[in-house]
Amino acid sequence: ILARSNKKAIVYADEVTHELKVSENKLRTTINSMRDILITIDNSNKILSFNKAAELALGFKEIEVIGKNISLLPDPNIESGEGVENHYLNVKNKRSYEEKKIINVLNKEGGLLPIDLTFTKASSGSVNYYIALIRDLSNELKVEKALETSEALLDTAVNASSTGFAILNLNCEFIELNKSICSWLGYEKHNLIGKNVK
């Protein structure tokens, strides 16, 4: 009877171990499929996990950073106290659950990486840890810069044109005019903004 009980316990332990491994593999696959960077840090500032997006954006392999201090991540803002480690320590020392900030960090090769950084306190039983969710803003900033450039070029073209241009709101009030239409109407721009076209 005792031998049968031990055998059942061993089979049950093997099944539970297998289920845990499958669950862990699913979780790791999910985390590594994320487009955003996910880094977990323990109470002693050591990196616990570093997903594939972190490897790609920051240039470090997971094996290089696991167990290392978060200060390993190069920080161009260290003097101003606005970097990853300082922001992490700021969150760690507060009661608040989550803090979010947009900062710049350096990747392994020294390239500047604008990021949206969110640190969250978490716990598993009595063990506290911290989750850094980082979104790379590089592409968004490139698009924003291109849009600003396009708007500036359009503004220059409209204002340099000999054709009169005006933009009206739904109430038929001037909200933008170029020099040509102001000259044609015989008014300064500031005298027409907000006035009804009638």
C-alpha atoms as a PDB file:
ATOM      1  CA  ILE A   1       0.000   0.000   0.000  1.00  0.00           C
ATOM      2  CA  LEU A   2       2.816   2.403   0.886  1.00  0.00           C
ATOM      3  CA  ALA A   3       4.636   1.646  -2.369  1.00  0.00           C
ATOM      4  CA  ARG A   4       1.442   2.346  -4.346  1.00  0.00           C
ATOM      5  CA  SER A   5       0.944   5.665  -2.509  1.00  0.00           C
ATOM      6  CA  ASN A   6       4.539   6.715  -3.214  1.00  0.00           C
ATOM      7  CA  LYS A   7       4.128   5.794  -6.875  1.00  0.00           C
ATOM      8  CA  LYS A   8       0.907   7.877  -7.106  1.00  0.00           C
ATOM      9  CA  ALA A   9       2.644  10.802  -5.396  1.00  0.00           C
ATOM     10  CA  ILE A  10       5.559  10.597  -7.842  1.00  0.00           C
ATOM     11  CA  VAL A  11       3.214  10.433 -10.847  1.00  0.00           C
ATOM     12  CA  TYR A  12       1.208  13.389  -9.480  1.00  0.00           C
ATOM     13  CA  ALA A  13       4.412  15.402  -8.839  1.00  0.00           C
ATOM     14  CA  ASP A  14       5.596  14.644 -12.390  1.00  0.00           C
ATOM     15  CA  GLU A  15       2.244  15.805 -13.826  1.00  0.00           C
ATOM     16  CA  VAL A  16       2.310  19.036 -11.803  1.00  0.00           C
ATOM     17  CA  THR A  17       5.935  19.663 -12.793  1.00  0.00           C
ATOM     18  CA  HIS A  18       5.066  19.125 -16.458  1.00  0.00           C
ATOM     19  CA  GLU A  19       2.058  21.485 -16.221  1.00  0.00           C
ATOM     20  CA  LEU A  20       4.232  24.143 -14.554  1.00  0.00           C
ATOM     21  CA  LYS A  21       6.854  23.839 -17.298  1.00  0.00           C
ATOM     22  CA  VAL A  22       4.178  24.160 -19.999  1.00  0.00           C
ATOM     23  CA  SER A  23       2.702  27.195 -18.225  1.00  0.00           C
ATOM     24  CA  GLU A  24       6.150  28.781 -17.823  1.00  0.00           C
ATOM     25  CA  ASN A  25       6.929  28.194 -21.521  1.00  0.00           C
ATOM     26  CA  LYS A  26       3.616  29.820 -22.528  1.00  0.00           C
ATOM     27  CA  LEU A  27       4.346  32.824 -20.329  1.00  0.00           C
ATOM     28  CA  ARG A  28       7.918  33.177 -21.652  1.00  0.00           C
ATOM     29  CA  THR A  29       6.668  32.916 -25.256  1.00  0.00           C
ATOM     30  CA  THR A  30       4.050  35.585 -24.581  1.00  0.00           C
ATOM     31  CA  ILE A  31       6.569  37.944 -22.957  1.00  0.00           C
ATOM     32  CA  ASN A  32       9.109  37.415 -25.731  1.00  0.00           C
ATOM     33  CA  SER A  33       6.429  38.085 -28.371  1.00  0.00           C
ATOM     34  CA  MET A  34       5.711  41.535 -26.947  1.00  0.00           C
ATOM     35  CA  ARG A  35       6.703  44.528 -29.058  1.00  0.00           C
ATOM     36  CA  ASP A  36       7.351  46.561 -25.902  1.00  0.00           C
ATOM     37  CA  ILE A  37      10.354  46.082 -23.649  1.00  0.00           C
ATOM     38  CA  LEU A  38       9.685  44.246 -20.379  1.00  0.00           C
ATOM     39  CA  ILE A  39      12.284  44.080 -17.623  1.00  0.00           C
ATOM     40  CA  THR A  40      11.704  42.821 -14.082  1.00  0.00           C
ATOM     41  CA  ILE A  41      13.915  43.893 -11.181  1.00  0.00           C
ATOM     42  CA  ASP A  42      14.168  42.596  -7.616  1.00  0.00           C
ATOM     43  CA  ASN A  43      14.469  44.517  -4.327  1.00  0.00           C
ATOM     44  CA  SER A  44      18.263  44.562  -4.573  1.00  0.00           C
ATOM     45  CA  ASN A  45      18.125  46.262  -8.021  1.00  0.00           C
ATOM     46  CA  LYS A  46      19.084  43.069  -9.867  1.00  0.00           C
ATOM     47  CA  ILE A  47      17.551  42.298 -13.265  1.00  0.00           C
ATOM     48  CA  LEU A  48      15.359  39.169 -13.116  1.00  0.00           C
ATOM     49  CA  SER A  49      14.068  39.080 -16.691  1.00  0.00           C
ATOM     50  CA  PHE A  50      14.804  40.814 -19.986  1.00  0.00           C
ATOM     51  CA  ASN A  51      12.573  40.063 -22.980  1.00  0.00           C
ATOM     52  CA  LYS A  52      13.473  39.839 -26.692  1.00  0.00           C
ATOM     53  CA  ALA A  53      12.243  43.392 -27.368  1.00  0.00           C
ATOM     54  CA  ALA A  54      14.688  44.607 -24.688  1.00  0.00           C
ATOM     55  CA  GLU A  55      17.504  42.715 -26.398  1.00  0.00           C
ATOM     56  CA  LEU A  56      16.683  44.274 -29.768  1.00  0.00           C
ATOM     57  CA  ALA A  57      16.232  47.857 -28.556  1.00  0.00           C
ATOM     58  CA  LEU A  58      18.964  48.033 -25.923  1.00  0.00           C
ATOM     59  CA  GLY A  59      21.566  45.786 -27.573  1.00  0.00           C
ATOM     60  CA  PHE A  60      22.168  43.497 -24.581  1.00  0.00           C
ATOM     61  CA  LYS A  61      21.514  39.760 -24.597  1.00  0.00           C
ATOM     62  CA  GLU A  62      19.438  38.426 -21.705  1.00  0.00           C
ATOM     63  CA  ILE A  63      22.372  36.315 -20.529  1.00  0.00           C
ATOM     64  CA  GLU A  64      24.503  39.492 -20.190  1.00  0.00           C
ATOM     65  CA  VAL A  65      22.085  41.274 -17.841  1.00  0.00           C
ATOM     66  CA  ILE A  66      20.334  38.649 -15.679  1.00  0.00           C
ATOM     67  CA  GLY A  67      21.497  39.112 -12.100  1.00  0.00           C
ATOM     68  CA  LYS A  68      23.206  42.436 -12.906  1.00  0.00           C
ATOM     69  CA  ASN A  69      22.264  45.782 -11.384  1.00  0.00           C
ATOM     70  CA  ILE A  70      19.742  47.907 -13.315  1.00  0.00           C
ATOM     71  CA  SER A  71      22.415  50.624 -13.455  1.00  0.00           C
ATOM     72  CA  LEU A  72      23.991  48.488 -16.211  1.00  0.00           C
ATOM     73  CA  LEU A  73      21.637  50.267 -18.620  1.00  0.00           C
ATOM     74  CA  PRO A  74      23.565  53.312 -19.879  1.00  0.00           C
ATOM     75  CA  ASP A  75      21.965  56.533 -18.747  1.00  0.00           C
ATOM     76  CA  PRO A  76      22.704  59.932 -20.326  1.00  0.00           C
ATOM     77  CA  ASN A  77      20.610  61.739 -17.702  1.00  0.00           C
ATOM     78  CA  ILE A  78      22.347  60.435 -14.593  1.00  0.00           C
ATOM     79  CA  GLU A  79      23.350  63.916 -13.416  1.00  0.00           C
ATOM     80  CA  SER A  80      19.809  65.232 -13.669  1.00  0.00           C
ATOM     81  CA  GLY A  81      18.359  62.292 -11.749  1.00  0.00           C
ATOM     82  CA  GLU A  82      15.972  61.478 -14.591  1.00  0.00           C
ATOM     83  CA  GLY A  83      17.415  58.131 -15.744  1.00  0.00           C
ATOM     84  CA  VAL A  84      16.110  54.580 -15.561  1.00  0.00           C
ATOM     85  CA  GLU A  85      17.857  53.629 -12.325  1.00  0.00           C
ATOM     86  CA  ASN A  86      16.989  56.888 -10.572  1.00  0.00           C
ATOM     87  CA  HIS A  87      13.399  56.688 -11.758  1.00  0.00           C
ATOM     88  CA  TYR A  88      13.223  53.069 -10.592  1.00  0.00           C
ATOM     89  CA  LEU A  89      14.648  53.980  -7.180  1.00  0.00           C
ATOM     90  CA  ASN A  90      12.185  56.870  -6.958  1.00  0.00           C
ATOM     91  CA  VAL A  91       9.262  54.475  -7.544  1.00  0.00           C
ATOM     92  CA  LYS A  92      10.763  51.843  -5.245  1.00  0.00           C
ATOM     93  CA  ASN A  93      10.898  54.314  -2.362  1.00  0.00           C
ATOM     94  CA  LYS A  94       7.307  55.494  -2.771  1.00  0.00           C
ATOM     95  CA  ARG A  95       4.043  53.964  -1.719  1.00  0.00           C
ATOM     96  CA  SER A  96       2.491  54.656  -5.131  1.00  0.00           C
ATOM     97  CA  TYR A  97       1.880  51.622  -7.271  1.00  0.00           C
ATOM     98  CA  GLU A  98       2.889  52.962 -10.640  1.00  0.00           C
ATOM     99  CA  GLU A  99       4.775  55.863 -12.168  1.00  0.00           C
ATOM    100  CA  LYS A 100       5.202  56.744 -15.827  1.00  0.00           C
ATOM    101  CA  LYS A 101       7.692  59.036 -17.541  1.00  0.00           C
ATOM    102  CA  ILE A 102       9.187  59.779 -20.947  1.00  0.00           C
ATOM    103  CA  ILE A 103      12.997  59.814 -20.817  1.00  0.00           C
ATOM    104  CA  ASN A 104      16.010  59.029 -22.996  1.00  0.00           C
ATOM    105  CA  VAL A 105      18.403  56.113 -22.436  1.00  0.00           C
ATOM    106  CA  LEU A 106      21.483  54.955 -24.294  1.00  0.00           C
ATOM    107  CA  ASN A 107      21.589  51.532 -25.892  1.00  0.00           C
ATOM    108  CA  LYS A 108      24.705  49.341 -25.658  1.00  0.00           C
ATOM    109  CA  GLU A 109      26.260  51.012 -28.725  1.00  0.00           C
ATOM    110  CA  GLY A 110      25.683  54.505 -27.302  1.00  0.00           C
ATOM    111  CA  GLY A 111      22.687  55.427 -29.477  1.00  0.00           C
ATOM    112  CA  LEU A 112      20.033  57.611 -27.875  1.00  0.00           C
ATOM    113  CA  LEU A 113      16.700  55.852 -27.386  1.00  0.00           C
ATOM    114  CA  PRO A 114      13.637  57.928 -26.434  1.00  0.00           C
ATOM    115  CA  ILE A 115      11.340  55.773 -24.314  1.00  0.00           C
ATOM    116  CA  ASP A 116       8.039  55.826 -22.495  1.00  0.00           C
ATOM    117  CA  LEU A 117       8.922  54.231 -19.157  1.00  0.00           C
ATOM    118  CA  THR A 118       6.432  52.792 -16.681  1.00  0.00           C
ATOM    119  CA  PHE A 119       7.586  51.203 -13.410  1.00  0.00           C
ATOM    120  CA  THR A 120       5.097  49.154 -11.446  1.00  0.00           C
ATOM    121  CA  LYS A 121       5.480  47.563  -8.029  1.00  0.00           C
ATOM    122  CA  ALA A 122       4.391  43.925  -7.931  1.00  0.00           C
ATOM    123  CA  SER A 123       4.600  41.013  -5.519  1.00  0.00           C
ATOM    124  CA  SER A 124       4.466  37.257  -5.517  1.00  0.00           C
ATOM    125  CA  GLY A 125       3.593  36.112  -2.038  1.00  0.00           C
ATOM    126  CA  SER A 126       5.937  38.015   0.278  1.00  0.00           C
ATOM    127  CA  VAL A 127       8.475  38.786  -2.470  1.00  0.00           C
ATOM    128  CA  ASN A 128       8.330  42.275  -3.997  1.00  0.00           C
ATOM    129  CA  TYR A 129       9.675  43.032  -7.447  1.00  0.00           C
ATOM    130  CA  TYR A 130       9.336  45.778 -10.018  1.00  0.00           C
ATOM    131  CA  ILE A 131       8.223  45.664 -13.628  1.00  0.00           C
ATOM    132  CA  ALA A 132       9.649  48.131 -16.122  1.00  0.00           C
ATOM    133  CA  LEU A 133       7.454  48.385 -19.205  1.00  0.00           C
ATOM    134  CA  ILE A 134       9.287  50.399 -21.842  1.00  0.00           C
ATOM    135  CA  ARG A 135       7.930  51.574 -25.177  1.00  0.00           C
ATOM    136  CA  ASP A 136      10.455  52.689 -27.791  1.00  0.00           C
ATOM    137  CA  LEU A 137       9.323  56.085 -29.099  1.00  0.00           C
ATOM    138  CA  SER A 138      11.941  56.360 -31.882  1.00  0.00           C
ATOM    139  CA  ASN A 139       9.536  55.768 -34.777  1.00  0.00           C
ATOM    140  CA  GLU A 140       6.825  57.986 -33.301  1.00  0.00           C
ATOM    141  CA  LEU A 141       9.310  60.845 -32.895  1.00  0.00           C
ATOM    142  CA  LYS A 142      10.535  60.400 -36.500  1.00  0.00           C
ATOM    143  CA  VAL A 143       6.946  60.606 -37.773  1.00  0.00           C
ATOM    144  CA  GLU A 144       6.272  63.634 -35.554  1.00  0.00           C
ATOM    145  CA  LYS A 145       9.412  65.369 -36.853  1.00  0.00           C
ATOM    146  CA  ALA A 146       8.463  64.620 -40.480  1.00  0.00           C
ATOM    147  CA  LEU A 147       4.969  65.999 -39.853  1.00  0.00           C
ATOM    148  CA  GLU A 148       6.400  69.178 -38.306  1.00  0.00           C
ATOM    149  CA  THR A 149       8.694  69.605 -41.318  1.00  0.00           C
ATOM    150  CA  SER A 150       5.787  69.095 -43.748  1.00  0.00           C
ATOM    151  CA  GLU A 151       3.635  71.590 -41.848  1.00  0.00           C
ATOM    152  CA  ALA A 152       6.457  74.152 -41.861  1.00  0.00           C
ATOM    153  CA  LEU A 153       6.947  73.706 -45.629  1.00  0.00           C
ATOM    154  CA  LEU A 154       3.208  74.045 -46.275  1.00  0.00           C
ATOM    155  CA  ASP A 155       3.023  77.132 -44.064  1.00  0.00           C
ATOM    156  CA  THR A 156       5.961  78.688 -45.938  1.00  0.00           C
ATOM    157  CA  ALA A 157       4.391  77.874 -49.323  1.00  0.00           C
ATOM    158  CA  VAL A 158       0.991  79.285 -48.354  1.00  0.00           C
ATOM    159  CA  ASN A 159       2.430  82.484 -46.873  1.00  0.00           C
ATOM    160  CA  ALA A 160       4.784  83.040 -49.830  1.00  0.00           C
ATOM    161  CA  SER A 161       2.007  82.526 -52.368  1.00  0.00           C
ATOM    162  CA  SER A 162       0.495  85.435 -54.282  1.00  0.00           C
ATOM    163  CA  THR A 163      -2.854  83.616 -54.096  1.00  0.00           C
ATOM    164  CA  GLY A 164      -4.982  84.486 -51.098  1.00  0.00           C
ATOM    165  CA  PHE A 165      -5.622  81.674 -48.598  1.00  0.00           C
ATOM    166  CA  ALA A 166      -7.955  81.716 -45.618  1.00  0.00           C
ATOM    167  CA  ILE A 167      -9.208  79.012 -43.267  1.00  0.00           C
ATOM    168  CA  LEU A 168     -12.620  79.461 -41.679  1.00  0.00           C
ATOM    169  CA  ASN A 169     -14.270  77.571 -38.833  1.00  0.00           C
ATOM    170  CA  LEU A 170     -17.858  76.260 -38.986  1.00  0.00           C
ATOM    171  CA  ASN A 171     -19.142  79.688 -37.879  1.00  0.00           C
ATOM    172  CA  CYS A 172     -17.493  81.288 -40.939  1.00  0.00           C
ATOM    173  CA  GLU A 173     -14.880  83.013 -38.755  1.00  0.00           C
ATOM    174  CA  PHE A 174     -11.293  83.440 -39.908  1.00  0.00           C
ATOM    175  CA  ILE A 175      -8.877  81.174 -38.049  1.00  0.00           C
ATOM    176  CA  GLU A 176      -5.903  81.494 -40.437  1.00  0.00           C
ATOM    177  CA  LEU A 177      -4.991  83.818 -43.317  1.00  0.00           C
ATOM    178  CA  ASN A 178      -1.954  84.404 -45.468  1.00  0.00           C
ATOM    179  CA  LYS A 179      -0.355  87.772 -46.306  1.00  0.00           C
ATOM    180  CA  SER A 180      -1.861  87.921 -49.802  1.00  0.00           C
ATOM    181  CA  ILE A 181      -5.478  87.761 -48.645  1.00  0.00           C
ATOM    182  CA  CYS A 182      -4.804  90.261 -45.856  1.00  0.00           C
ATOM    183  CA  SER A 183      -3.327  92.643 -48.436  1.00  0.00           C
ATOM    184  CA  TRP A 184      -6.252  92.043 -50.811  1.00  0.00           C
ATOM    185  CA  LEU A 185      -8.791  92.724 -48.010  1.00  0.00           C
ATOM    186  CA  GLY A 186      -6.797  95.708 -46.707  1.00  0.00           C
ATOM    187  CA  TYR A 187      -6.492  94.477 -43.089  1.00  0.00           C
ATOM    188  CA  GLU A 188      -3.758  93.192 -40.798  1.00  0.00           C
ATOM    189  CA  LYS A 189      -4.008  89.486 -39.922  1.00  0.00           C
ATOM    190  CA  HIS A 190      -4.657  90.170 -36.228  1.00  0.00           C
ATOM    191  CA  ASN A 191      -7.658  92.380 -37.180  1.00  0.00           C
ATOM    192  CA  LEU A 192      -9.309  89.522 -39.110  1.00  0.00           C
ATOM    193  CA  ILE A 193      -8.690  86.482 -36.893  1.00  0.00           C
ATOM    194  CA  GLY A 194     -11.962  85.528 -35.210  1.00  0.00           C
ATOM    195  CA  LYS A 195     -14.044  87.879 -37.382  1.00  0.00           C
ATOM    196  CA  ASN A 196     -16.964  86.570 -39.422  1.00  0.00           C
ATOM    197  CA  VAL A 197     -16.434  86.557 -43.174  1.00  0.00           C
ATOM    198  CA  LYS A 198     -19.814  88.279 -43.724  1.00  0.00           C
END
